Amino acid sequence: MKVLVINPIMYTSETRNIRRVDSIKDTMMYDFCLAFHKMGHEITLVAAEPFKPYREEMYPFQVLWWKCKCQKIFLPHCLPYMPITRKFVKEHRDEYDLIISSEVFSVNSLMAYRSAPDKVIIWHELAKHNSIFKQIPSRIWYGVIARFFMKNAKIVARSVEAKKFIDQYCHNVASYVIDHGVNLDKFKPDTEHKEKSFVVCSQLIERKKIDGIIDKFAEFLSRYDSEFELYIIGGGELAKRLKQQVKSLNIAGNVQFEGQMTHDELMPILARAKAMLVNTIKDNNMVSIVEAIAVGTPIVTTDIPLNSTYIEKYELGIVRHQWTADDLQDIVRNNSFYIKNCMDYRYLLSTKRRVEQFIELSQNFTSDSMK
C-alpha cells in the first residue's frame, strides 16, 4: 500500500518562535510512519519546513519538508498553510492508496480533501474550538467550511471527546476512535524492577502546573514515605522557579531535575517508576501518557487530558479532577493491579495496531458502513 501522511506540526511549540530540534525520530508521527514502513508499506511523510531539524538526518522512508506561506496570518506553530499541498495531491493522487491528513481545522486538510476526496482520511484531535483570536476563526471554520465543504470527508477522531465535537459539523465520522500510538520496540517495560519513584515528563510551563505536583509530592513524603524520589524530565521557562520551590520545601534530596532527555535516556526512569504524574489544566491527547502505559507505568492525572477517558475506563491509573497525596499512596499500595492493567492494554496503543486500524478504515470507510 502506498500512503501519504500530511502532518505539518511535528511537535508542540508553545510560541510562534518554533525551536528547531536535532531530530524528529522521537516524535509520535515519525514512529507512526515507521510502523507503516516496517509493515511493508511505501510511506511518505509531509511536514512543515519550520519543524525541520537543524541537522541533516537519514530516514528509512521519504520525508518532505514543505514551506509555509502567509506566516503572519497562518502561524506555523498552530495553523500552518502549505500551498503546495493542493498541487501535489492533485498531481499524485492516483499514486496513493491512502492519504492521512491531520486535523479538520487545517487549510492543508481542506486542500487535500478537495483534491482527492476518495483517498483522504482526516485524523482529528481537537475536542473544542481553537483559542486563536478568541475562537472566531475556529467557529467560522467548523460552522461554515467544515459543515459545507468538508461535510462528507472521511474523518476518524483521536479520542471520544474529539469525536463528539466533530460529529456536530461533519457527517462521515468513524464510529470508533484511533488514538496516538507508540513504538513498542522502543518502549519496553521493566515491571520487575520498579523503584520508589514517580516521574514527570513535561515542559516546565505554566499550564502543566508542575508546582502543584511538587506540593503534593512533598505532602506524600511527609505523610507516607520519605524515601521516594520524583524525577522531573523536561525543560522550560519555569525551571528556575520550580527548583527554588523544591529547595524551600526542603525536599531537594528527593527531587531530580533531569532536563531534556532522548527516549533512550528516558526509558529506564519511566519504566521503573511507580507512576507518571500529570497535573495539566489544558491539553489534548498526551503522547507521554501513551508512552508510560506502554512501559507498564500507571498514570495519576487530572481529568483534562483526553487520554483520561480510557485511563479511567480500563483502570490504567487514577483520574481525578484534582488528585492528592492520598492518590499517590493509592497508586503505590495497588501498584501491581494498575501495572497488570497497563500490560494488558499496551498492544492496543502500539503504532502497529494504529496502522492496522487505518488500513481497515480505508478499506471499509463509507457513510453507510461506519455510522
Protein backbone atom coordinates (compact mmCIF):
# COMPACT_ATOMS: atom_id res chain seq x y z
CA MET A 1 0.00 0.00 0.00
CA LYS A 2 1.29 3.49 -0.85
CA VAL A 3 0.46 6.04 1.85
CA LEU A 4 0.88 9.82 2.18
CA VAL A 5 0.75 11.35 5.67
CA ILE A 6 0.29 15.14 5.86
CA ASN A 7 1.24 16.28 9.35
CA PRO A 8 2.72 19.80 9.29
CA ILE A 9 3.19 20.21 13.07
CA MET A 10 5.70 17.58 14.21
CA TYR A 11 5.86 18.63 17.86
CA THR A 12 4.29 21.18 20.19
CA SER A 13 5.61 24.73 20.21
CA GLU A 14 4.08 26.98 22.85
CA THR A 15 5.01 30.15 20.96
CA ARG A 16 5.30 31.26 17.34
CA ASN A 17 9.08 31.03 17.68
CA ILE A 18 9.46 27.35 16.84
CA ARG A 19 12.59 25.88 18.38
CA ARG A 20 14.24 23.53 15.88
CA VAL A 21 15.35 20.21 17.35
CA ASP A 22 18.21 17.97 16.24
CA SER A 23 15.93 15.05 15.31
CA ILE A 24 12.28 14.14 14.74
CA LYS A 25 12.88 10.47 15.49
CA ASP A 26 11.40 10.78 19.00
CA THR A 27 8.09 12.18 17.70
CA MET A 28 4.82 10.27 17.64
CA MET A 29 4.23 10.86 13.93
CA TYR A 30 7.68 9.60 12.94
CA ASP A 31 7.04 6.34 14.82
CA PHE A 32 3.60 6.10 13.21
CA CYS A 33 5.15 6.33 9.73
CA LEU A 34 7.95 3.97 10.73
CA ALA A 35 5.33 1.35 11.60
CA PHE A 36 3.88 1.62 8.08
CA HIS A 37 7.39 1.17 6.66
CA LYS A 38 8.19 -1.86 8.83
CA MET A 39 4.92 -3.50 7.81
CA GLY A 40 5.94 -3.32 4.15
CA HIS A 41 4.04 -0.22 3.02
CA GLU A 42 5.52 2.65 0.99
CA ILE A 43 5.11 5.72 3.17
CA THR A 44 5.75 9.44 2.60
CA LEU A 45 5.59 11.94 5.47
CA VAL A 46 4.91 15.62 4.78
CA ALA A 47 5.81 18.15 7.49
CA ALA A 48 6.12 21.94 7.67
CA GLU A 49 9.62 23.29 6.98
CA PRO A 50 9.83 25.29 10.27
CA PHE A 51 9.91 21.92 12.08
CA LYS A 52 12.80 20.55 10.03
CA PRO A 53 15.72 19.53 12.30
CA TYR A 54 18.73 21.81 12.32
CA ARG A 55 21.00 18.92 11.35
CA GLU A 56 20.61 16.54 8.44
CA GLU A 57 19.38 13.06 9.29
CA MET A 58 18.54 9.96 7.29
CA TYR A 59 15.13 8.29 7.29
CA PRO A 60 14.09 4.85 6.02
CA PHE A 61 11.13 6.44 4.22
CA GLN A 62 10.55 9.67 2.30
CA VAL A 63 10.10 12.88 4.31
CA LEU A 64 9.11 16.08 2.51
CA TRP A 65 9.52 19.49 4.17
CA TRP A 66 7.09 21.99 2.68
CA LYS A 67 7.35 25.75 3.07
CA CYS A 68 4.72 27.70 4.98
CA LYS A 69 3.29 30.87 3.45
CA CYS A 70 1.45 33.92 4.87
CA GLN A 71 3.03 33.22 8.24
CA LYS A 72 1.73 36.38 9.91
CA ILE A 73 -1.83 35.13 9.43
CA PHE A 74 -1.33 31.36 9.32
CA LEU A 75 1.04 30.88 12.24
CA PRO A 76 3.15 27.76 11.54
CA HIS A 77 3.13 26.56 15.16
CA CYS A 78 -0.67 26.27 15.27
CA LEU A 79 -2.25 26.82 11.83
CA PRO A 80 0.38 26.30 9.09
CA TYR A 81 -0.51 26.96 5.45
CA MET A 82 1.45 24.95 2.87
CA PRO A 83 0.02 25.96 -0.55
CA ILE A 84 1.90 23.21 -2.40
CA THR A 85 -0.47 20.70 -0.76
CA ARG A 86 -3.22 21.23 -3.32
CA LYS A 87 -0.95 20.91 -6.36
CA PHE A 88 0.94 17.90 -5.02
CA VAL A 89 -2.14 15.91 -4.03
CA LYS A 90 -3.91 16.72 -7.29
CA GLU A 91 -0.92 15.64 -9.38
CA HIS A 92 -0.10 12.50 -7.38
CA ARG A 93 -3.50 11.36 -6.09
CA ASP A 94 -3.56 8.29 -8.36
CA GLU A 95 -0.22 7.11 -6.97
CA TYR A 96 -1.50 6.80 -3.40
CA ASP A 97 -3.90 4.26 -1.94
CA LEU A 98 -4.41 6.30 1.24
CA ILE A 99 -3.81 9.91 2.30
CA ILE A 100 -3.94 10.71 6.04
CA SER A 101 -4.15 14.40 6.97
CA SER A 102 -4.06 15.87 10.47
CA GLU A 103 -6.98 17.93 11.76
CA VAL A 104 -10.23 19.24 10.29
CA PHE A 105 -9.30 22.81 11.28
CA SER A 106 -6.49 22.87 8.71
CA VAL A 107 -6.16 24.58 5.34
CA ASN A 108 -3.93 21.69 4.27
CA SER A 109 -6.59 19.09 5.13
CA LEU A 110 -9.16 21.09 3.19
CA MET A 111 -6.90 21.27 0.12
CA ALA A 112 -6.03 17.58 0.33
CA TYR A 113 -9.66 16.52 0.72
CA ARG A 114 -10.93 18.72 -2.13
CA SER A 115 -8.13 17.39 -4.37
CA ALA A 116 -8.64 13.69 -3.56
CA PRO A 117 -11.91 13.19 -1.65
CA ASP A 118 -11.92 9.41 -2.16
CA LYS A 119 -8.36 8.94 -0.82
CA VAL A 120 -8.21 11.24 2.22
CA ILE A 121 -8.92 10.33 5.84
CA ILE A 122 -8.63 13.22 8.29
CA TRP A 123 -7.20 12.24 11.70
CA HIS A 124 -8.81 14.71 14.08
CA GLU A 125 -7.59 15.56 17.59
CA LEU A 126 -9.21 18.80 18.77
CA ALA A 127 -12.15 18.38 21.12
CA LYS A 128 -13.06 22.07 21.36
CA HIS A 129 -12.62 25.27 19.43
CA ASN A 130 -9.11 26.55 18.87
CA SER A 131 -8.46 29.61 21.04
CA ILE A 132 -6.74 31.65 18.29
CA PHE A 133 -8.30 35.16 18.05
CA LYS A 134 -10.93 34.37 20.69
CA GLN A 135 -12.13 31.26 18.80
CA ILE A 136 -13.59 33.33 15.95
CA PRO A 137 -11.61 31.65 13.08
CA SER A 138 -12.31 28.22 14.57
CA ARG A 139 -16.05 28.81 14.88
CA ILE A 140 -16.23 30.11 11.30
CA TRP A 141 -14.17 27.17 10.04
CA TYR A 142 -16.21 24.45 11.67
CA GLY A 143 -19.53 26.23 11.23
CA VAL A 144 -19.06 27.08 7.54
CA ILE A 145 -16.01 25.44 5.91
CA ALA A 146 -16.26 22.05 7.64
CA ARG A 147 -20.04 21.92 7.62
CA PHE A 148 -20.43 22.71 3.91
CA PHE A 149 -17.10 21.98 2.19
CA MET A 150 -15.88 19.02 4.28
CA LYS A 151 -19.18 17.57 5.47
CA ASN A 152 -18.64 14.24 3.68
CA ALA A 153 -14.91 13.99 4.37
CA LYS A 154 -13.83 10.70 5.92
CA ILE A 155 -12.81 11.51 9.48
CA VAL A 156 -11.57 9.47 12.42
CA ALA A 157 -11.15 11.12 15.80
CA ARG A 158 -8.26 10.55 18.20
CA SER A 159 -10.47 10.49 21.30
CA VAL A 160 -14.08 10.07 22.37
CA GLU A 161 -14.26 13.78 23.18
CA ALA A 162 -12.87 14.77 19.76
CA LYS A 163 -15.44 12.51 18.09
CA LYS A 164 -18.32 14.16 19.99
CA PHE A 165 -17.02 17.57 18.93
CA ILE A 166 -16.51 16.89 15.23
CA ASP A 167 -19.78 14.93 14.93
CA GLN A 168 -21.53 18.30 15.29
CA TYR A 169 -20.10 19.54 12.00
CA CYS A 170 -19.25 16.59 9.73
CA HIS A 171 -21.40 13.67 8.60
CA ASN A 172 -18.89 10.92 7.86
CA VAL A 173 -17.07 10.33 11.15
CA ALA A 174 -15.93 6.81 12.04
CA SER A 175 -17.84 5.17 14.87
CA TYR A 176 -14.63 4.35 16.75
CA VAL A 177 -11.53 6.39 17.59
CA ILE A 178 -7.85 5.91 16.77
CA ASP A 179 -5.63 7.33 19.49
CA HIS A 180 -1.92 8.16 19.25
CA GLY A 181 0.31 5.11 19.05
CA VAL A 182 3.69 4.20 20.50
CA ASN A 183 6.58 2.17 19.10
CA LEU A 184 6.71 -0.91 21.35
CA ASP A 185 10.17 -1.76 20.00
CA LYS A 186 11.42 1.37 21.79
CA PHE A 187 9.18 1.39 24.83
CA LYS A 188 9.84 -1.82 26.73
CA PRO A 189 8.51 -2.50 30.24
CA ASP A 190 10.67 -3.26 33.27
CA THR A 191 7.96 -4.21 35.75
CA GLU A 192 10.24 -6.46 37.82
CA HIS A 193 12.45 -3.55 38.85
CA LYS A 194 10.05 -0.85 39.99
CA GLU A 195 11.69 1.69 42.28
CA LYS A 196 10.41 4.07 44.91
CA SER A 197 9.95 6.86 42.44
CA PHE A 198 7.46 8.93 40.46
CA VAL A 199 8.19 10.62 37.15
CA VAL A 200 7.02 13.78 35.39
CA CYS A 201 7.60 14.08 31.63
CA SER A 202 6.61 17.60 30.68
CA GLN A 203 7.54 21.04 29.52
CA LEU A 204 8.12 23.23 32.56
CA ILE A 205 5.48 25.80 31.66
CA GLU A 206 2.54 27.35 33.48
CA ARG A 207 -0.34 25.25 32.14
CA LYS A 208 1.36 21.99 33.18
CA LYS A 209 1.14 23.02 36.86
CA ILE A 210 4.32 21.22 37.91
CA ASP A 211 4.36 23.33 41.09
CA GLY A 212 1.19 21.55 42.19
CA ILE A 213 2.83 18.16 41.62
CA ILE A 214 5.79 19.22 43.76
CA ASP A 215 3.47 20.35 46.58
CA LYS A 216 1.56 17.05 46.53
CA PHE A 217 4.77 15.04 46.39
CA ALA A 218 6.11 16.95 49.41
CA GLU A 219 2.93 16.06 51.32
CA PHE A 220 3.30 12.41 50.27
CA LEU A 221 6.87 12.37 51.59
CA SER A 222 5.73 13.84 54.89
CA ARG A 223 2.70 11.61 55.41
CA TYR A 224 3.56 8.31 53.73
CA ASP A 225 7.12 7.55 52.60
CA SER A 226 10.12 9.87 52.84
CA GLU A 227 12.30 7.58 50.69
CA PHE A 228 10.53 8.24 47.39
CA GLU A 229 12.11 10.26 44.58
CA LEU A 230 10.49 12.48 41.95
CA TYR A 231 12.17 12.69 38.53
CA ILE A 232 11.20 15.79 36.53
CA ILE A 233 12.12 15.34 32.88
CA GLY A 234 11.84 18.30 30.53
CA GLY A 235 12.80 21.93 30.30
CA GLY A 236 11.06 25.27 30.17
CA GLU A 237 10.74 28.80 31.42
CA LEU A 238 9.72 27.79 34.97
CA ALA A 239 12.72 25.56 35.70
CA LYS A 240 14.44 28.06 37.99
CA ARG A 241 11.26 28.83 39.94
CA LEU A 242 10.46 25.12 40.41
CA LYS A 243 13.96 24.38 41.66
CA GLN A 244 13.58 27.20 44.18
CA GLN A 245 10.23 25.75 45.29
CA VAL A 246 11.84 22.35 45.87
CA LYS A 247 14.56 23.98 47.94
CA SER A 248 12.07 25.94 50.03
CA LEU A 249 10.14 22.74 50.81
CA ASN A 250 13.37 21.05 51.96
CA ILE A 251 12.93 18.14 49.54
CA ALA A 252 15.88 18.84 47.23
CA GLY A 253 17.32 15.42 48.07
CA ASN A 254 14.15 13.72 46.78
CA VAL A 255 13.63 15.66 43.51
CA GLN A 256 15.83 15.27 40.47
CA PHE A 257 15.59 17.76 37.58
CA GLU A 258 16.87 15.84 34.56
CA GLY A 259 16.24 18.38 31.80
CA GLN A 260 15.56 17.27 28.23
CA MET A 261 16.16 13.59 27.51
CA THR A 262 16.13 11.35 24.48
CA HIS A 263 13.85 8.33 24.54
CA ASP A 264 16.84 6.08 25.22
CA GLU A 265 17.77 8.15 28.27
CA LEU A 266 14.18 8.42 29.45
CA MET A 267 13.24 4.73 29.22
CA PRO A 268 14.90 3.32 32.38
CA ILE A 269 13.47 6.09 34.58
CA LEU A 270 9.97 5.87 33.11
CA ALA A 271 9.83 2.07 33.14
CA ARG A 272 10.93 1.74 36.78
CA ALA A 273 8.72 4.47 38.24
CA LYS A 274 5.65 3.57 40.29
CA ALA A 275 3.60 6.13 38.32
CA MET A 276 3.77 9.07 35.96
CA LEU A 277 2.19 12.24 37.35
CA VAL A 278 0.15 14.72 35.29
CA ASN A 279 -1.39 17.92 36.64
CA THR A 280 -2.17 19.86 33.46
CA ILE A 281 -5.04 22.32 33.14
CA LYS A 282 -5.01 22.39 29.31
CA ASP A 283 -4.08 19.55 26.94
CA ASN A 284 -5.42 17.26 24.23
CA ASN A 285 -4.05 13.72 23.95
CA MET A 286 -0.70 13.49 25.69
CA VAL A 287 1.86 11.29 23.97
CA SER A 288 3.85 10.93 27.21
CA ILE A 289 0.85 9.20 28.82
CA VAL A 290 0.74 6.65 25.99
CA GLU A 291 4.48 6.05 26.36
CA ALA A 292 4.20 5.50 30.12
CA ILE A 293 1.39 2.96 29.78
CA ALA A 294 3.41 1.16 27.09
CA VAL A 295 6.23 0.50 29.58
CA GLY A 296 3.82 -0.64 32.30
CA THR A 297 3.86 2.57 34.33
CA PRO A 298 0.43 3.65 35.67
CA ILE A 299 -0.80 7.24 35.47
CA VAL A 300 -2.03 9.69 38.11
CA THR A 301 -3.68 12.53 36.24
CA THR A 302 -6.25 15.27 36.20
CA ASP A 303 -9.31 14.71 34.03
CA ILE A 304 -8.08 17.25 31.46
CA PRO A 305 -6.03 15.11 29.02
CA LEU A 306 -8.26 13.32 26.53
CA ASN A 307 -6.39 10.10 27.38
CA SER A 308 -8.04 10.22 30.82
CA THR A 309 -11.21 8.66 29.37
CA TYR A 310 -9.60 5.29 28.70
CA ILE A 311 -7.27 5.52 31.72
CA GLU A 312 -10.36 5.61 33.92
CA LYS A 313 -12.31 3.04 31.87
CA TYR A 314 -9.53 0.42 31.84
CA GLU A 315 -8.11 1.34 35.28
CA LEU A 316 -4.66 2.22 33.95
CA GLY A 317 -4.16 4.61 36.84
CA ILE A 318 -6.06 7.23 38.82
CA VAL A 319 -8.07 10.08 37.30
CA ARG A 320 -9.26 12.93 39.49
CA HIS A 321 -10.38 16.49 38.89
CA GLN A 322 -7.71 17.36 41.47
CA TRP A 323 -5.65 14.45 42.74
CA THR A 324 -3.92 14.46 46.13
CA ALA A 325 -1.16 12.81 48.14
CA ASP A 326 -3.70 10.16 49.12
CA ASP A 327 -3.97 9.17 45.45
CA LEU A 328 -0.19 8.77 45.29
CA GLN A 329 -0.41 6.40 48.23
CA ASP A 330 -3.23 4.53 46.48
CA ILE A 331 -1.19 4.07 43.29
CA VAL A 332 1.76 2.79 45.35
CA ARG A 333 -0.32 0.44 47.52
CA ASN A 334 -2.13 -1.05 44.50
CA ASN A 335 0.73 -0.77 42.04
CA SER A 336 0.68 -4.39 40.87
CA PHE A 337 -3.03 -4.10 39.98
CA TYR A 338 -2.50 -1.00 37.84
CA ILE A 339 0.67 -2.39 36.25
CA LYS A 340 -1.16 -5.53 35.14
CA ASN A 341 -3.89 -3.42 33.54
CA CYS A 342 -1.26 -1.38 31.66
CA MET A 343 0.46 -4.53 30.43
CA ASP A 344 -2.85 -6.00 29.25
CA TYR A 345 -3.67 -2.77 27.39
CA ARG A 346 -0.29 -1.86 25.87
CA TYR A 347 -0.66 -3.62 22.50
CA LEU A 348 -3.78 -1.58 21.79
CA LEU A 349 -1.55 1.51 21.94
CA SER A 350 1.08 0.23 19.50
CA THR A 351 1.84 2.03 16.24
CA LYS A 352 1.46 -1.35 14.54
CA ARG A 353 -2.13 -1.53 15.75
CA ARG A 354 -2.70 2.03 14.52
CA VAL A 355 -1.52 1.03 11.03
CA GLU A 356 -3.85 -1.97 11.06
CA GLN A 357 -6.75 0.28 12.07
CA PHE A 358 -6.09 2.80 9.29
CA ILE A 359 -5.83 0.08 6.67
CA GLU A 360 -9.12 -1.45 7.87
CA LEU A 361 -10.67 2.01 7.87
CA SER A 362 -9.52 2.84 4.35
CA GLN A 363 -11.00 -0.41 3.05
CA ASN A 364 -14.34 -0.15 4.83
CA PHE A 365 -14.97 3.56 5.25
CA THR A 366 -18.30 4.60 3.72
CA SER A 367 -21.11 6.68 5.13
CA ASP A 368 -23.33 3.62 5.44
CA SER A 369 -20.83 1.19 6.94
CA MET A 370 -19.23 3.44 9.55
CA LYS A 371 -22.23 5.21 11.06
